[in-house]
Amino acid sequence: VCLTCCSRESMVRINQICHKNGIKFFTGDVFGYHGYMFADLGDHEFVEEKPKVAKVSTGLEDGPEAKRARLDPAETTMVKKRLEFCLLRDALAVEWRGEKATAALRRTAPDYFLLQ
């Protein structure tokens, strides 16, 4: 489900219905140069391709260079990952005061608060 130009209440209500029924949810809007996008993919499983780490030989080489793992870009391995997305209601209810919020505030663009 993709929503644009909706009220906050509508977005929260429709997201709750989608999340409960395992339906992926996207919402967003643009206001001149500013905009936002939110995605709730529920429990999302995916596969990521990573370069394979070459085993370090235990030959005559010694020192820090010999012990460092080497990536082999020619060989890859598939890694299964899982992400659990939160509800829009929970994302909007973040408390921005306190010690825990200090680090999050540094990573959050000021535009976020303008859109709120």
C-alpha atoms as a PDB file:
ATOM      1  CA  VAL A   1       0.000   0.000   0.000  1.00  0.00           C
ATOM      2  CA  CYS A   2       1.386   3.422  -0.980  1.00  0.00           C
ATOM      3  CA  LEU A   3      -0.080   6.639   0.475  1.00  0.00           C
ATOM      4  CA  THR A   4       0.535  10.288  -0.368  1.00  0.00           C
ATOM      5  CA  CYS A   5      -1.299  13.497   0.546  1.00  0.00           C
ATOM      6  CA  CYS A   6      -3.000  11.888   3.570  1.00  0.00           C
ATOM      7  CA  SER A   7      -3.596  13.129   7.092  1.00  0.00           C
ATOM      8  CA  ARG A   8      -1.409  11.788   9.873  1.00  0.00           C
ATOM      9  CA  GLU A   9      -4.392  10.001  11.435  1.00  0.00           C
ATOM     10  CA  SER A  10      -5.199   8.215   8.144  1.00  0.00           C
ATOM     11  CA  MET A  11      -1.587   7.141   7.660  1.00  0.00           C
ATOM     12  CA  VAL A  12      -1.344   5.735  11.203  1.00  0.00           C
ATOM     13  CA  ARG A  13      -4.698   3.898  10.921  1.00  0.00           C
ATOM     14  CA  ILE A  14      -3.946   2.375   7.497  1.00  0.00           C
ATOM     15  CA  ASN A  15      -0.415   1.403   8.601  1.00  0.00           C
ATOM     16  CA  GLN A  16      -1.816  -0.466  11.620  1.00  0.00           C
ATOM     17  CA  ILE A  17      -4.192  -2.428   9.352  1.00  0.00           C
ATOM     18  CA  CYS A  18      -1.373  -3.241   6.896  1.00  0.00           C
ATOM     19  CA  HIS A  19       1.089  -4.250   9.638  1.00  0.00           C
ATOM     20  CA  LYS A  20      -1.485  -6.532  11.282  1.00  0.00           C
ATOM     21  CA  ASN A  21      -2.178  -8.285   7.962  1.00  0.00           C
ATOM     22  CA  GLY A  22       1.451  -8.564   6.784  1.00  0.00           C
ATOM     23  CA  ILE A  23       1.012  -6.011   3.967  1.00  0.00           C
ATOM     24  CA  LYS A  24       3.957  -3.780   3.081  1.00  0.00           C
ATOM     25  CA  PHE A  25       3.258  -0.061   3.647  1.00  0.00           C
ATOM     26  CA  PHE A  26       4.844   3.073   2.194  1.00  0.00           C
ATOM     27  CA  THR A  27       3.887   6.703   2.728  1.00  0.00           C
ATOM     28  CA  GLY A  28       5.444  10.003   1.808  1.00  0.00           C
ATOM     29  CA  ASP A  29       4.896  13.525   0.611  1.00  0.00           C
ATOM     30  CA  VAL A  30       6.807  16.507  -0.726  1.00  0.00           C
ATOM     31  CA  PHE A  31       6.523  20.143   0.320  1.00  0.00           C
ATOM     32  CA  GLY A  32       8.662  22.256  -2.028  1.00  0.00           C
ATOM     33  CA  TYR A  33      12.288  21.321  -1.296  1.00  0.00           C
ATOM     34  CA  HIS A  34      11.371  19.192   1.715  1.00  0.00           C
ATOM     35  CA  GLY A  35       9.750  15.782   1.897  1.00  0.00           C
ATOM     36  CA  TYR A  36       9.514  12.557   3.835  1.00  0.00           C
ATOM     37  CA  MET A  37       9.133   8.852   3.215  1.00  0.00           C
ATOM     38  CA  PHE A  38       8.245   6.042   5.622  1.00  0.00           C
ATOM     39  CA  ALA A  39       8.310   2.304   4.950  1.00  0.00           C
ATOM     40  CA  ASP A  40       6.928  -0.509   7.099  1.00  0.00           C
ATOM     41  CA  LEU A  41       7.882  -3.840   5.560  1.00  0.00           C
ATOM     42  CA  GLY A  42       6.920  -5.830   8.676  1.00  0.00           C
ATOM     43  CA  ASP A  43       9.254  -8.787   9.161  1.00  0.00           C
ATOM     44  CA  HIS A  44      11.395  -8.467   6.061  1.00  0.00           C
ATOM     45  CA  GLU A  45      13.795 -11.250   5.061  1.00  0.00           C
ATOM     46  CA  PHE A  46      16.302 -10.765   2.258  1.00  0.00           C
ATOM     47  CA  VAL A  47      19.586 -12.120   0.950  1.00  0.00           C
ATOM     48  CA  GLU A  48      22.710  -9.976   0.646  1.00  0.00           C
ATOM     49  CA  GLU A  49      25.725 -10.851  -1.488  1.00  0.00           C
ATOM     50  CA  LYS A  50      29.052 -10.302   0.312  1.00  0.00           C
ATOM     51  CA  PRO A  51      32.657 -10.810  -0.846  1.00  0.00           C
ATOM     52  CA  LYS A  52      34.126 -14.027   0.530  1.00  0.00           C
ATOM     53  CA  VAL A  53      36.938 -13.660   3.072  1.00  0.00           C
ATOM     54  CA  ALA A  54      40.032 -15.514   1.908  1.00  0.00           C
ATOM     55  CA  LYS A  55      41.655 -17.717   4.548  1.00  0.00           C
ATOM     56  CA  VAL A  56      45.001 -16.482   5.769  1.00  0.00           C
ATOM     57  CA  SER A  57      47.820 -18.886   4.978  1.00  0.00           C
ATOM     58  CA  THR A  58      49.927 -20.013   7.909  1.00  0.00           C
ATOM     59  CA  GLY A  59      53.101 -20.106   5.798  1.00  0.00           C
ATOM     60  CA  LEU A  60      56.375 -18.356   6.482  1.00  0.00           C
ATOM     61  CA  GLU A  61      54.832 -14.885   6.453  1.00  0.00           C
ATOM     62  CA  ASP A  62      54.615 -13.238   9.822  1.00  0.00           C
ATOM     63  CA  GLY A  63      53.514  -9.858  11.100  1.00  0.00           C
ATOM     64  CA  PRO A  64      50.362  -7.720  10.942  1.00  0.00           C
ATOM     65  CA  GLU A  65      50.022  -7.953   7.131  1.00  0.00           C
ATOM     66  CA  ALA A  66      49.971 -11.765   7.216  1.00  0.00           C
ATOM     67  CA  LYS A  67      47.276 -11.877   9.914  1.00  0.00           C
ATOM     68  CA  ARG A  68      44.891  -9.457   8.172  1.00  0.00           C
ATOM     69  CA  ALA A  69      41.923 -11.165   6.451  1.00  0.00           C
ATOM     70  CA  ARG A  70      41.817 -10.644   2.704  1.00  0.00           C
ATOM     71  CA  LEU A  71      38.619 -10.103   0.703  1.00  0.00           C
ATOM     72  CA  ASP A  72      38.355 -11.959  -2.576  1.00  0.00           C
ATOM     73  CA  PRO A  73      36.039  -9.882  -4.821  1.00  0.00           C
ATOM     74  CA  ALA A  74      35.848 -12.726  -7.361  1.00  0.00           C
ATOM     75  CA  GLU A  75      34.138 -15.055  -4.892  1.00  0.00           C
ATOM     76  CA  THR A  76      30.970 -14.092  -3.045  1.00  0.00           C
ATOM     77  CA  THR A  77      28.739 -15.676  -0.470  1.00  0.00           C
ATOM     78  CA  MET A  78      25.025 -15.149   0.130  1.00  0.00           C
ATOM     79  CA  VAL A  79      24.034 -14.004   3.619  1.00  0.00           C
ATOM     80  CA  LYS A  80      20.407 -14.238   4.761  1.00  0.00           C
ATOM     81  CA  LYS A  81      19.270 -11.233   6.822  1.00  0.00           C
ATOM     82  CA  ARG A  82      16.088 -10.226   8.612  1.00  0.00           C
ATOM     83  CA  LEU A  83      14.808  -6.771   9.588  1.00  0.00           C
ATOM     84  CA  GLU A  84      11.795  -6.004  11.745  1.00  0.00           C
ATOM     85  CA  PHE A  85      10.159  -2.678  10.828  1.00  0.00           C
ATOM     86  CA  CYS A  86       8.176  -0.610  13.318  1.00  0.00           C
ATOM     87  CA  LEU A  87       4.733   0.913  13.007  1.00  0.00           C
ATOM     88  CA  LEU A  88       4.389   4.555  11.920  1.00  0.00           C
ATOM     89  CA  ARG A  89       2.685   5.259  15.254  1.00  0.00           C
ATOM     90  CA  ASP A  90       5.801   4.048  17.111  1.00  0.00           C
ATOM     91  CA  ALA A  91       8.158   6.026  14.877  1.00  0.00           C
ATOM     92  CA  LEU A  92       6.185   9.225  15.508  1.00  0.00           C
ATOM     93  CA  ALA A  93       6.131   8.596  19.281  1.00  0.00           C
ATOM     94  CA  VAL A  94       9.928   8.767  19.718  1.00  0.00           C
ATOM     95  CA  GLU A  95      10.916  10.734  22.825  1.00  0.00           C
ATOM     96  CA  TRP A  96      13.484  13.376  21.843  1.00  0.00           C
ATOM     97  CA  ARG A  97      14.510  14.289  25.404  1.00  0.00           C
ATOM     98  CA  GLY A  98      16.995  12.438  27.586  1.00  0.00           C
ATOM     99  CA  GLU A  99      20.393  10.770  27.246  1.00  0.00           C
ATOM    100  CA  LYS A 100      19.362   8.126  24.708  1.00  0.00           C
ATOM    101  CA  ALA A 101      17.966  10.761  22.349  1.00  0.00           C
ATOM    102  CA  THR A 102      21.196  12.795  22.240  1.00  0.00           C
ATOM    103  CA  ALA A 103      22.920  10.479  19.745  1.00  0.00           C
ATOM    104  CA  ALA A 104      19.752  10.150  17.651  1.00  0.00           C
ATOM    105  CA  LEU A 105      19.396  13.936  17.519  1.00  0.00           C
ATOM    106  CA  ARG A 106      22.872  14.260  15.997  1.00  0.00           C
ATOM    107  CA  ARG A 107      21.938  11.791  13.226  1.00  0.00           C
ATOM    108  CA  THR A 108      18.524  13.352  12.498  1.00  0.00           C
ATOM    109  CA  ALA A 109      18.254  16.082   9.894  1.00  0.00           C
ATOM    110  CA  PRO A 110      16.636  19.311  11.157  1.00  0.00           C
ATOM    111  CA  ASP A 111      14.125  18.983   8.292  1.00  0.00           C
ATOM    112  CA  TYR A 112      12.502  16.113  10.217  1.00  0.00           C
ATOM    113  CA  PHE A 113      11.302  18.539  12.865  1.00  0.00           C
ATOM    114  CA  LEU A 114      10.087  21.047  10.267  1.00  0.00           C
ATOM    115  CA  LEU A 115       7.896  18.357   8.738  1.00  0.00           C
ATOM    116  CA  GLN A 116       6.503  17.433  12.159  1.00  0.00           C
END
